N, C-alpha and C. Protein backbone atom coordinates (compact mmCIF):
# COMPACT_ATOMS: atom_id res chain seq x y z
N GLN A 1 32.60 269.51 -27.06
CA GLN A 1 33.82 269.44 -28.09
C GLN A 1 34.47 270.64 -28.38
N PHE A 2 33.47 271.41 -29.19
CA PHE A 2 33.77 272.72 -29.98
C PHE A 2 34.50 273.47 -28.91
N LEU A 3 33.74 274.02 -27.62
CA LEU A 3 34.14 274.90 -26.81
C LEU A 3 35.43 274.46 -25.94
N VAL A 4 35.57 273.14 -25.52
CA VAL A 4 36.71 272.78 -25.49
C VAL A 4 38.01 273.05 -26.24
N GLU A 5 37.88 272.97 -27.56
CA GLU A 5 38.69 273.11 -28.73
C GLU A 5 39.14 274.84 -28.67
N SER A 6 38.08 275.54 -28.52
CA SER A 6 38.15 276.87 -28.65
C SER A 6 39.09 277.32 -27.26
N VAL A 7 38.80 276.79 -26.11
CA VAL A 7 39.57 277.46 -24.96
C VAL A 7 40.80 276.73 -25.09
N THR A 8 40.92 275.49 -25.76
CA THR A 8 42.60 274.97 -25.76
C THR A 8 43.23 275.76 -26.49
N VAL A 9 42.66 276.22 -27.93
CA VAL A 9 43.45 277.12 -28.48
C VAL A 9 43.68 278.37 -28.15
N THR A 10 42.56 278.93 -27.22
CA THR A 10 42.89 280.30 -26.64
C THR A 10 44.17 280.33 -25.64
N GLY A 11 44.16 279.22 -24.74
CA GLY A 11 44.87 278.91 -24.01
C GLY A 11 46.47 278.66 -24.47
N PHE A 12 46.27 277.88 -25.28
CA PHE A 12 47.95 277.82 -25.94
C PHE A 12 48.41 278.73 -26.51
N GLY A 13 47.63 279.50 -27.27
CA GLY A 13 48.05 280.75 -28.04
C GLY A 13 48.26 282.09 -27.19
N SER A 14 47.54 282.13 -26.20
CA SER A 14 47.88 283.29 -25.13
C SER A 14 49.13 282.73 -24.59
N ALA A 15 49.40 281.73 -24.20
CA ALA A 15 50.55 281.23 -23.29
C ALA A 15 51.81 281.65 -24.54
N ILE A 16 51.76 281.14 -25.57
CA ILE A 16 52.64 281.07 -26.47
C ILE A 16 53.07 282.71 -26.97
N GLY A 17 51.92 283.50 -27.00
CA GLY A 17 52.17 284.84 -27.02
C GLY A 17 52.84 285.43 -26.01
N PHE A 18 52.60 285.14 -24.66
CA PHE A 18 52.95 285.54 -23.30
C PHE A 18 54.61 285.25 -23.52
N VAL A 19 54.99 284.00 -23.91
CA VAL A 19 56.20 283.56 -23.71
C VAL A 19 57.00 284.85 -25.10
N ALA A 20 56.23 284.62 -26.20
CA ALA A 20 56.94 285.23 -27.02
C ALA A 20 57.10 286.96 -26.53
N GLY A 21 56.26 287.36 -26.02
CA GLY A 21 56.45 289.06 -25.23
C GLY A 21 57.35 289.01 -24.32
N ILE A 22 57.67 288.11 -23.44
CA ILE A 22 58.95 287.93 -22.61
C ILE A 22 60.13 287.89 -23.23
N VAL A 23 60.33 286.87 -24.32
CA VAL A 23 61.56 287.23 -25.15
C VAL A 23 62.02 288.23 -25.78
N LEU A 24 60.88 289.05 -26.91
CA LEU A 24 60.92 290.10 -27.29
C LEU A 24 61.52 291.16 -26.11
N ALA A 25 60.80 291.05 -25.17
CA ALA A 25 61.14 292.39 -23.92
C ALA A 25 62.80 292.18 -23.67
N GLU A 26 63.03 290.88 -23.19
CA GLU A 26 64.30 291.02 -23.09
C GLU A 26 65.37 291.21 -24.29
N VAL A 27 64.98 290.81 -25.45
CA VAL A 27 65.78 291.25 -26.19
C VAL A 27 65.88 292.71 -26.56
N GLY A 28 64.90 293.21 -26.65
CA GLY A 28 64.60 294.58 -26.69
C GLY A 28 65.55 295.33 -25.74
N THR A 29 65.35 294.90 -24.41
CA THR A 29 66.03 295.83 -23.21
C THR A 29 67.32 295.44 -23.34
N ALA A 30 68.10 294.31 -24.04
CA ALA A 30 69.43 293.82 -24.03
C ALA A 30 69.92 294.88 -24.88
N GLY A 31 69.24 295.23 -26.32
CA GLY A 31 69.73 295.95 -27.04
C GLY A 31 69.86 297.53 -26.60
N PHE A 32 68.92 297.89 -25.90
CA PHE A 32 68.73 299.25 -25.50
C PHE A 32 69.83 299.28 -24.58
N ARG A 33 70.14 298.20 -23.71
CA ARG A 33 71.17 298.46 -22.63
C ARG A 33 72.58 298.41 -23.34
N TYR A 34 72.66 297.87 -24.40
CA TYR A 34 73.90 297.62 -25.32
C TYR A 34 74.21 299.25 -26.01
N TRP A 35 73.18 299.65 -26.56
CA TRP A 35 73.31 301.05 -27.29
C TRP A 35 73.46 302.13 -26.36
N SER A 36 72.61 302.21 -25.30
CA SER A 36 72.82 303.26 -24.41
C SER A 36 73.30 303.48 -23.18
N GLY A 37 73.59 302.15 -22.92
CA GLY A 37 74.13 301.85 -21.57
C GLY A 37 73.46 302.07 -20.21
N ALA A 38 72.08 302.28 -20.51
CA ALA A 38 71.23 302.51 -19.37
C ALA A 38 71.10 301.16 -18.91
N GLY A 39 70.76 301.06 -17.58
CA GLY A 39 70.17 299.74 -16.75
C GLY A 39 69.01 299.54 -16.80
N ILE A 40 68.10 299.13 -17.70
CA ILE A 40 66.83 298.75 -17.93
C ILE A 40 66.70 297.39 -17.89
N TYR A 41 65.77 296.84 -16.46
CA TYR A 41 65.46 295.48 -16.77
C TYR A 41 64.24 295.28 -16.61
N PRO A 42 63.37 294.27 -17.41
CA PRO A 42 61.88 294.07 -17.30
C PRO A 42 61.75 293.24 -15.96
N VAL A 43 60.56 293.44 -15.53
CA VAL A 43 60.04 292.72 -14.28
C VAL A 43 59.05 292.14 -14.72
N LEU A 44 58.81 290.45 -14.05
CA LEU A 44 57.75 289.95 -14.63
C LEU A 44 57.48 289.17 -13.23
N HIS A 45 55.76 289.38 -12.80
CA HIS A 45 55.52 288.61 -11.75
C HIS A 45 54.45 287.77 -12.30
N PHE A 46 54.55 286.42 -11.39
CA PHE A 46 53.79 285.37 -11.90
C PHE A 46 52.29 285.87 -11.86
N THR A 47 51.66 286.39 -10.92
CA THR A 47 50.24 286.96 -10.97
C THR A 47 49.91 287.48 -12.34
N THR A 48 50.92 288.32 -12.81
CA THR A 48 50.56 288.99 -14.25
C THR A 48 50.48 287.82 -15.28
N ALA A 49 51.30 287.08 -15.13
CA ALA A 49 51.18 286.03 -16.12
C ALA A 49 49.91 285.34 -16.12
N ALA A 50 49.37 284.71 -15.00
CA ALA A 50 48.45 284.23 -14.77
C ALA A 50 47.09 284.92 -15.13
N LEU A 51 47.12 286.34 -14.81
CA LEU A 51 45.81 286.97 -14.77
C LEU A 51 45.92 287.31 -16.36
N ALA A 52 46.81 287.42 -17.21
CA ALA A 52 46.71 287.62 -18.64
C ALA A 52 46.32 286.16 -19.17
N ILE A 53 46.94 285.10 -19.07
CA ILE A 53 46.30 283.96 -19.68
C ILE A 53 44.68 283.64 -19.35
N GLY A 54 44.73 283.75 -17.98
CA GLY A 54 43.23 283.56 -17.67
C GLY A 54 41.99 284.68 -18.34
N ALA A 55 42.67 285.88 -18.56
CA ALA A 55 41.84 286.80 -19.10
C ALA A 55 41.38 286.26 -20.65
N ALA A 56 42.66 285.72 -21.37
CA ALA A 56 42.72 285.29 -22.62
C ALA A 56 41.30 283.85 -22.69
N VAL A 57 41.77 283.22 -21.79
CA VAL A 57 40.98 282.01 -21.91
C VAL A 57 39.42 282.48 -21.63
N VAL A 58 39.15 283.28 -20.85
CA VAL A 58 38.09 283.85 -20.47
C VAL A 58 37.19 284.34 -21.78
N VAL A 59 38.21 285.24 -22.22
CA VAL A 59 37.59 285.74 -23.69
C VAL A 59 37.27 284.61 -24.63
N GLY A 60 38.15 283.60 -24.74
CA GLY A 60 38.08 282.73 -25.66
C GLY A 60 36.90 281.69 -25.29
N LEU A 61 36.50 281.64 -24.19
CA LEU A 61 35.39 280.92 -23.82
C LEU A 61 34.13 281.95 -24.12
N ALA A 62 33.95 283.10 -23.94
CA ALA A 62 32.97 283.61 -24.14
C ALA A 62 32.61 283.74 -25.55
N PHE A 63 33.53 284.04 -26.77
CA PHE A 63 33.45 284.21 -27.72
C PHE A 63 33.44 282.84 -28.39
N GLY A 64 33.71 281.67 -28.03
CA GLY A 64 33.47 280.61 -28.26
C GLY A 64 32.11 279.58 -28.07
N THR A 65 31.48 280.14 -27.24
CA THR A 65 30.19 279.76 -27.11
C THR A 65 29.06 279.64 -28.11
N TYR A 66 28.97 280.81 -28.57
CA TYR A 66 28.01 280.85 -29.55
C TYR A 66 28.14 280.11 -30.93
N PRO A 67 29.39 280.00 -31.29
CA PRO A 67 29.87 279.18 -32.48
C PRO A 67 29.86 277.86 -32.23
N ALA A 68 30.01 277.51 -30.84
CA ALA A 68 30.13 275.97 -30.39
C ALA A 68 28.78 275.45 -30.55
N ARG A 69 27.59 276.41 -30.08
CA ARG A 69 26.25 275.86 -29.61
C ARG A 69 25.74 275.52 -31.09
N ARG A 70 26.20 276.43 -32.32
CA ARG A 70 25.32 276.44 -33.36
C ARG A 70 25.90 275.52 -33.98
N ALA A 71 27.20 275.19 -33.96
CA ALA A 71 27.90 273.65 -34.46
C ALA A 71 27.29 272.49 -34.07
N ALA A 72 27.07 272.67 -32.56
CA ALA A 72 26.38 271.47 -32.04
C ALA A 72 24.88 271.14 -32.53
N SER A 73 24.30 272.23 -33.08
CA SER A 73 22.88 271.99 -33.20
C SER A 73 22.78 271.68 -34.31
N LEU A 74 23.51 271.51 -35.37
CA LEU A 74 23.73 271.37 -36.87
C LEU A 74 23.85 269.95 -36.88
N SER A 75 23.04 269.21 -38.11
CA SER A 75 23.15 267.72 -38.38
C SER A 75 24.62 267.95 -39.25
N PRO A 76 25.20 266.77 -39.49
CA PRO A 76 26.25 266.53 -40.40
C PRO A 76 26.20 266.78 -41.59
N ILE A 77 24.77 266.33 -41.94
CA ILE A 77 24.52 266.64 -43.50
C ILE A 77 24.30 267.97 -43.73
N ASP A 78 23.77 268.72 -43.13
CA ASP A 78 23.23 270.35 -42.97
C ASP A 78 24.72 270.67 -43.01
N ALA A 79 25.49 270.33 -42.03
CA ALA A 79 26.90 271.02 -42.09
C ALA A 79 27.58 271.13 -43.41
N ILE A 80 27.81 269.63 -43.73
CA ILE A 80 28.19 269.57 -45.15
C ILE A 80 27.77 270.23 -46.44
N ALA A 81 26.17 270.33 -46.47
CA ALA A 81 25.67 271.17 -47.34
C ALA A 81 26.16 272.61 -47.50
N ARG A 82 26.14 273.25 -46.30
CA ARG A 82 26.58 274.51 -46.01
C ARG A 82 27.79 275.19 -46.28
N GLU A 83 28.64 274.07 -46.26
CA GLU A 83 30.14 274.29 -46.59
C GLU A 83 30.38 274.61 -47.84
């Protein structure tokens, strides 16, 4: 359960960050085109998006394993007492 939460949060966070990056790139290049007149257009490939989100999920899985195992081994009473 803890590991699923870690991967889910990482996946959604990376997807939202990726979309925000695309939006900022479009806004930034539109502003640059407006002010300079140069024709710069960002290019996005699906494989790039899939690799970026996949890498973020793998990192979330790797760094979420230790806390998930530790939390799963605690009894609820010990967890409340340590809080």
